[in-house]
Amino acid sequence: MKRERIYRKILIGGLLIMLMGCTGQEKTGRPETDVSVMLPHYEYTLQMSAEVNGRQGVCSEGDFYWVSGSTTLSKYDADWNLLKTNDEPFIGYEREVNHIGDIDVYQNELYIGAEYFMDGIGTNIQIAVYDADTLELKRTFPFEPESGQLECSGIAVDPDRRLVWMCSWVGEESGRYLYKYDLDSGAYLGKVHLQMPPQWLQGVAYYEGELFLTADDGEADLSEPDHLYRMKVSPEDSHATVTLERTFDDVTFSGEIEGLTFNKTKKQFILLYNRGARIILGMPRGFYPGYEREISEVFVYDLKERK
């Protein structure tokens, strides 16, 4: 019995040391000792889903939502009723583009990463701004080729720090960074190295001081789920730790995760997911059994901060 009491004291002492490190009482500067960095920030409760016109991205502002397809832009009301679609969004570009990724909206303007995309390769990348009511092009900003970015799968506006963030679906070096631009001038400001980077980034969104990333890192042929990641970065940081935030095993079918957004008023998270089509090098190539077309859906989750 005496030996058991000694072992119990040793065990309790060890647990207390671990907890002190996790709660930040032990300051080492290492993310693995800070529970606020390494654990998810929110609980996600699925409320509804709706089929939409567009397979790439989604954004929200006020009582409206916008959805991007590879070659379309659509506007929806608060109940996901389609209000307007632009089937020719590439009118007005000086450099040829054929692809839109995940999108964002700020002060009734849509921010889009446009490019010419074919078989996993992106060229002519640029930041494009559209009128959120007419869905027509207003202006473009060139991206910085020296950044090393080889594709643009998503874009996010950070209004607090007046930044625009871009992510890359293409892996290796291009997909290991987020790229930042000045919101007002469009000037390139540098890139942030992702520590523990996810594979196949599909979208990026800014919410409550943090950046959220979707990654198509599950194998659809094996019904593996895709994931949401989170990172906190300061403007002066050259790198940021990426943390797993949510596994999406509750969608209709584990197909291709795409863009994301937050409804700040309702405290909701909105995710775009595609199912039915087999995707090879970013291009649809046939269908899974039981499907004759690709279906794009938004999934709406209520958010609750974890205690």
Protein backbone atom coordinates (compact mmCIF):
# COMPACT_ATOMS: atom_id res chain seq x y z
CA MET A 1 0.00 0.00 0.00
CA LYS A 2 2.84 2.39 0.82
CA ARG A 3 4.44 1.73 -2.56
CA GLU A 4 1.10 2.40 -4.31
CA ARG A 5 0.78 5.75 -2.48
CA ILE A 6 4.29 6.72 -3.61
CA TYR A 7 3.51 5.80 -7.23
CA ARG A 8 0.26 7.76 -7.01
CA LYS A 9 2.08 10.87 -5.78
CA ILE A 10 4.62 10.58 -8.60
CA LEU A 11 1.86 10.21 -11.18
CA ILE A 12 -0.12 13.18 -9.85
CA GLY A 13 3.02 15.29 -9.72
CA GLY A 14 3.83 14.47 -13.34
CA LEU A 15 0.29 15.32 -14.46
CA LEU A 16 0.44 18.66 -12.67
CA ILE A 17 3.68 19.53 -14.44
CA MET A 18 2.12 18.64 -17.80
CA LEU A 19 -0.99 20.72 -17.07
CA MET A 20 1.12 23.70 -16.02
CA GLY A 21 2.88 23.54 -19.36
CA CYS A 22 -0.38 23.20 -21.32
CA THR A 23 -2.05 26.12 -19.59
CA GLY A 24 0.84 28.41 -20.38
CA GLN A 25 2.23 28.68 -16.84
CA GLU A 26 5.47 27.34 -18.26
CA LYS A 27 6.58 29.85 -20.89
CA THR A 28 8.88 28.27 -23.46
CA GLY A 29 7.67 29.86 -26.70
CA ARG A 30 6.85 26.43 -28.06
CA PRO A 31 3.35 26.01 -29.51
CA GLU A 32 3.03 22.47 -28.15
CA THR A 33 3.03 23.84 -24.58
CA ASP A 34 0.16 26.28 -25.22
CA VAL A 35 -3.29 24.73 -25.24
CA SER A 36 -4.76 27.82 -26.93
CA VAL A 37 -2.62 27.11 -29.98
CA MET A 38 -2.90 23.35 -30.24
CA LEU A 39 -6.60 22.73 -29.52
CA PRO A 40 -9.65 23.68 -31.64
CA HIS A 41 -11.27 27.01 -30.79
CA TYR A 42 -14.86 26.20 -31.74
CA GLU A 43 -17.53 23.52 -31.64
CA TYR A 44 -19.37 23.06 -34.95
CA THR A 45 -23.02 21.95 -34.98
CA LEU A 46 -24.46 21.21 -38.43
CA GLN A 47 -27.76 23.04 -38.96
CA MET A 48 -28.57 22.66 -42.65
CA SER A 49 -27.28 22.09 -46.16
CA ALA A 50 -28.36 23.44 -49.54
CA GLU A 51 -27.38 22.74 -53.14
CA VAL A 52 -25.83 25.75 -54.86
CA ASN A 53 -24.65 26.86 -58.28
CA GLY A 54 -20.87 26.82 -57.98
CA ARG A 55 -18.13 24.38 -57.03
CA GLN A 56 -15.31 26.63 -55.80
CA GLY A 57 -16.04 29.15 -53.06
CA VAL A 58 -18.50 30.90 -50.78
CA CYS A 59 -18.58 34.18 -48.86
CA SER A 60 -21.04 36.11 -46.72
CA GLU A 61 -21.83 39.71 -45.82
CA GLY A 62 -25.00 41.10 -44.31
CA ASP A 63 -28.05 39.15 -45.46
CA PHE A 64 -26.43 37.78 -48.62
CA TYR A 65 -24.17 34.95 -49.74
CA TRP A 66 -22.07 34.60 -52.88
CA VAL A 67 -20.88 31.36 -54.48
CA SER A 68 -18.18 30.94 -57.11
CA GLY A 69 -17.93 28.24 -59.71
CA SER A 70 -14.83 27.76 -61.81
CA THR A 71 -16.43 30.05 -64.41
CA THR A 72 -19.46 31.56 -62.62
CA LEU A 73 -20.46 33.94 -59.84
CA SER A 74 -23.83 33.71 -58.08
CA LYS A 75 -25.60 35.73 -55.39
CA TYR A 76 -28.07 34.27 -52.84
CA ASP A 77 -30.34 35.72 -50.20
CA ALA A 78 -30.34 34.75 -46.52
CA ASP A 79 -32.44 31.64 -47.23
CA TRP A 80 -30.20 30.45 -50.08
CA ASN A 81 -32.57 31.51 -52.83
CA LEU A 82 -30.66 32.31 -56.02
CA LEU A 83 -30.88 36.02 -56.92
CA LYS A 84 -28.41 36.50 -59.76
CA THR A 85 -25.71 34.66 -61.74
CA ASN A 86 -22.90 35.90 -63.97
CA ASP A 87 -22.03 33.16 -66.47
CA GLU A 88 -19.39 35.30 -68.19
CA PRO A 89 -17.24 36.66 -65.35
CA PHE A 90 -14.01 36.92 -67.38
CA ILE A 91 -15.05 39.90 -69.51
CA GLY A 92 -12.65 42.83 -69.01
CA TYR A 93 -9.42 41.00 -68.17
CA GLU A 94 -6.21 41.98 -69.97
CA ARG A 95 -4.54 38.63 -69.26
CA GLU A 96 -6.41 35.42 -70.11
CA VAL A 97 -8.04 33.61 -67.19
CA ASN A 98 -10.42 30.66 -67.03
CA HIS A 99 -10.70 29.81 -63.35
CA ILE A 100 -12.04 31.30 -60.11
CA GLY A 101 -11.20 29.80 -56.72
CA ASP A 102 -12.61 30.47 -53.27
CA ILE A 103 -13.79 34.07 -52.84
CA ASP A 104 -14.38 36.71 -50.18
CA VAL A 105 -16.47 39.85 -49.81
CA TYR A 106 -15.72 43.18 -48.14
CA GLN A 107 -17.81 46.35 -48.23
CA ASN A 108 -20.00 44.96 -51.02
CA GLU A 109 -17.06 44.04 -53.24
CA LEU A 110 -16.08 40.49 -54.14
CA TYR A 111 -12.39 39.58 -53.95
CA ILE A 112 -11.36 36.80 -56.29
CA GLY A 113 -8.16 34.95 -57.10
CA ALA A 114 -8.39 34.54 -60.87
CA GLU A 115 -6.01 32.50 -63.03
CA TYR A 116 -5.62 30.33 -66.10
CA PHE A 117 -5.75 26.80 -64.68
CA MET A 118 -5.17 23.53 -66.53
CA ASP A 119 -4.19 20.06 -65.23
CA GLY A 120 -2.90 21.24 -61.88
CA ILE A 121 -0.98 24.30 -63.15
CA GLY A 122 -2.00 27.93 -62.67
CA THR A 123 -0.77 30.91 -64.69
CA ASN A 124 -1.79 34.58 -65.12
CA ILE A 125 -2.67 34.77 -61.41
CA GLN A 126 -4.25 38.05 -60.30
CA ILE A 127 -6.44 39.58 -57.61
CA ALA A 128 -9.76 40.66 -59.10
CA VAL A 129 -12.45 42.83 -57.49
CA TYR A 130 -16.10 42.59 -58.56
CA ASP A 131 -19.22 44.56 -57.72
CA ALA A 132 -21.20 42.35 -55.32
CA ASP A 133 -24.55 43.48 -56.76
CA THR A 134 -23.91 43.36 -60.51
CA LEU A 135 -21.25 40.59 -60.26
CA GLU A 136 -19.20 42.47 -62.87
CA LEU A 137 -15.45 43.09 -62.84
CA LYS A 138 -14.31 46.45 -61.42
CA ARG A 139 -10.49 46.23 -61.20
CA THR A 140 -7.56 43.83 -60.93
CA PHE A 141 -4.20 43.73 -59.12
CA PRO A 142 -1.24 41.72 -60.45
CA PHE A 143 0.31 39.15 -58.14
CA GLU A 144 4.05 38.98 -57.46
CA PRO A 145 5.71 36.16 -59.50
CA GLU A 146 8.82 36.30 -57.28
CA SER A 147 6.67 35.15 -54.35
CA GLY A 148 6.86 31.56 -55.59
CA GLN A 149 3.08 31.18 -55.69
CA LEU A 150 2.15 28.82 -58.53
CA GLU A 151 -1.64 28.77 -58.17
CA CYS A 152 -4.45 30.54 -56.30
CA SER A 153 -7.12 28.32 -54.74
CA GLY A 154 -8.50 30.89 -52.31
CA ILE A 155 -8.45 34.48 -51.13
CA ALA A 156 -9.41 36.20 -47.87
CA VAL A 157 -9.79 39.81 -46.76
CA ASP A 158 -8.38 40.72 -43.34
CA PRO A 159 -10.06 44.11 -42.68
CA ASP A 160 -8.47 44.53 -39.24
CA ARG A 161 -4.96 44.70 -40.69
CA ARG A 162 -5.94 45.83 -44.20
CA LEU A 163 -4.55 42.70 -45.83
CA VAL A 164 -5.53 40.28 -48.58
CA TRP A 165 -4.36 36.68 -48.14
CA MET A 166 -3.97 34.11 -50.92
CA CYS A 167 -3.38 30.35 -50.69
CA SER A 168 -2.15 27.80 -53.22
CA TRP A 169 -3.57 24.35 -54.02
CA VAL A 170 -0.36 23.34 -55.76
CA GLY A 171 1.85 21.49 -53.28
CA GLU A 172 5.59 21.55 -52.54
CA GLU A 173 6.90 25.08 -51.91
CA SER A 174 3.93 26.94 -53.37
CA GLY A 175 1.44 25.25 -51.03
CA ARG A 176 3.55 25.73 -47.89
CA TYR A 177 2.91 29.48 -47.67
CA LEU A 178 0.17 32.07 -47.43
CA TYR A 179 0.77 35.19 -49.51
CA LYS A 180 -0.23 38.66 -48.33
CA TYR A 181 -1.05 41.87 -50.18
CA ASP A 182 -2.04 45.36 -49.13
CA LEU A 183 -5.82 45.71 -49.24
CA ASP A 184 -5.71 49.34 -50.37
CA SER A 185 -2.84 49.44 -52.87
CA GLY A 186 -2.62 45.79 -53.95
CA ALA A 187 1.13 45.79 -53.21
CA TYR A 188 2.77 42.47 -52.36
CA LEU A 189 3.89 42.41 -48.70
CA GLY A 190 5.48 38.99 -48.33
CA LYS A 191 4.54 35.43 -47.40
CA VAL A 192 4.09 33.37 -44.24
CA HIS A 193 5.62 29.91 -43.93
CA LEU A 194 3.10 27.34 -42.65
CA GLN A 195 4.52 25.12 -39.91
CA MET A 196 2.96 21.63 -40.29
CA PRO A 197 1.28 22.67 -43.58
CA PRO A 198 -1.90 20.88 -44.72
CA GLN A 199 -1.99 19.20 -48.13
CA TRP A 200 -4.03 20.58 -51.07
CA LEU A 201 -5.27 23.90 -49.69
CA GLN A 202 -8.68 24.83 -51.13
CA GLY A 203 -9.74 27.98 -49.33
CA VAL A 204 -8.86 30.59 -46.73
CA ALA A 205 -11.02 32.84 -44.53
CA TYR A 206 -10.37 35.40 -41.79
CA TYR A 207 -12.42 35.32 -38.58
CA GLU A 208 -11.89 36.91 -35.16
CA GLY A 209 -8.16 37.51 -35.60
CA GLU A 210 -7.31 34.11 -37.09
CA LEU A 211 -7.03 32.51 -40.52
CA PHE A 212 -8.91 29.30 -41.33
CA LEU A 213 -7.89 26.92 -44.11
CA THR A 214 -9.73 24.08 -45.84
CA ALA A 215 -7.63 21.21 -47.18
CA ASP A 216 -8.63 18.44 -49.57
CA ASP A 217 -6.41 16.01 -47.67
CA GLY A 218 -8.80 13.06 -47.48
CA GLU A 219 -8.79 10.43 -50.23
CA ALA A 220 -12.28 10.51 -51.76
CA ASP A 221 -11.86 7.05 -53.34
CA LEU A 222 -11.47 5.67 -49.82
CA SER A 223 -14.22 7.87 -48.29
CA GLU A 224 -11.68 9.71 -46.14
CA PRO A 225 -12.91 13.04 -44.70
CA ASP A 226 -11.30 16.39 -45.42
CA HIS A 227 -10.35 18.94 -42.77
CA LEU A 228 -10.42 22.52 -41.51
CA TYR A 229 -7.26 24.08 -40.05
CA ARG A 230 -6.59 27.24 -38.07
CA MET A 231 -3.62 29.57 -37.62
CA LYS A 232 -2.90 32.85 -35.87
CA VAL A 233 -0.34 35.12 -37.49
CA SER A 234 0.92 38.63 -36.78
CA PRO A 235 1.90 40.93 -39.68
CA GLU A 236 5.56 40.77 -38.71
CA ASP A 237 5.70 36.96 -38.45
CA SER A 238 7.53 34.95 -41.10
CA HIS A 239 5.88 31.69 -40.02
CA ALA A 240 2.81 30.40 -38.17
CA THR A 241 1.77 27.11 -36.58
CA VAL A 242 -1.16 25.35 -38.24
CA THR A 243 -3.63 23.48 -35.99
CA LEU A 244 -6.30 20.94 -36.92
CA GLU A 245 -9.66 22.58 -36.18
CA ARG A 246 -12.37 20.21 -37.52
CA THR A 247 -12.80 16.88 -39.34
CA PHE A 248 -15.78 16.86 -41.72
CA ASP A 249 -17.15 13.36 -41.34
CA ASP A 250 -20.74 14.66 -41.24
CA VAL A 251 -21.12 15.90 -44.82
CA THR A 252 -23.29 14.03 -47.32
CA PHE A 253 -20.34 12.35 -49.05
CA SER A 254 -16.57 12.67 -48.56
CA GLY A 255 -15.88 14.17 -51.96
CA GLU A 256 -13.97 17.43 -52.51
CA ILE A 257 -13.88 20.12 -49.85
CA GLU A 258 -13.74 23.65 -51.27
CA GLY A 259 -14.22 27.18 -49.96
CA LEU A 260 -15.36 28.51 -46.59
CA THR A 261 -16.72 31.60 -44.92
CA PHE A 262 -18.16 32.91 -41.65
CA ASN A 263 -21.44 34.68 -41.00
CA LYS A 264 -20.34 37.01 -38.20
CA THR A 265 -23.85 38.17 -37.33
CA LYS A 266 -25.26 34.68 -36.89
CA LYS A 267 -21.98 33.19 -35.61
CA GLN A 268 -22.05 30.51 -38.26
CA PHE A 269 -19.47 28.69 -40.33
CA ILE A 270 -20.33 27.90 -43.97
CA LEU A 271 -18.50 25.23 -45.96
CA LEU A 272 -18.72 24.37 -49.66
CA TYR A 273 -18.37 20.71 -50.62
CA ASN A 274 -18.60 18.86 -53.95
CA ARG A 275 -19.67 15.26 -54.42
CA GLY A 276 -20.19 12.89 -57.29
CA ALA A 277 -17.34 13.76 -59.67
CA ARG A 278 -13.89 12.16 -59.59
CA ILE A 279 -11.25 14.90 -59.49
CA ILE A 280 -7.80 14.29 -60.97
CA LEU A 281 -5.22 17.11 -60.95
CA GLY A 282 -7.99 19.52 -60.05
CA MET A 283 -10.12 18.57 -63.08
CA PRO A 284 -13.38 16.51 -63.12
CA ARG A 285 -12.82 13.09 -64.73
CA GLY A 286 -16.01 11.00 -64.67
CA PHE A 287 -18.30 10.18 -61.74
CA TYR A 288 -18.52 7.93 -58.71
CA PRO A 289 -21.06 5.06 -58.73
CA GLY A 290 -24.60 6.34 -58.28
CA TYR A 291 -23.85 9.82 -59.68
CA GLU A 292 -24.47 11.24 -63.12
CA ARG A 293 -23.48 14.80 -62.25
CA GLU A 294 -21.47 16.72 -59.69
CA ILE A 295 -23.42 18.24 -56.80
CA SER A 296 -22.18 21.32 -54.95
CA GLU A 297 -23.55 21.93 -51.46
CA VAL A 298 -23.08 24.43 -48.68
CA PHE A 299 -23.12 23.14 -45.11
CA VAL A 300 -24.05 25.64 -42.40
CA TYR A 301 -22.71 25.11 -38.86
CA ASP A 302 -23.49 26.99 -35.67
CA LEU A 303 -20.31 28.09 -33.87
CA LYS A 304 -19.69 27.89 -30.14
CA GLU A 305 -16.43 28.78 -28.45
CA ARG A 306 -14.83 25.94 -26.54
CA LYS A 307 -14.28 26.58 -22.85
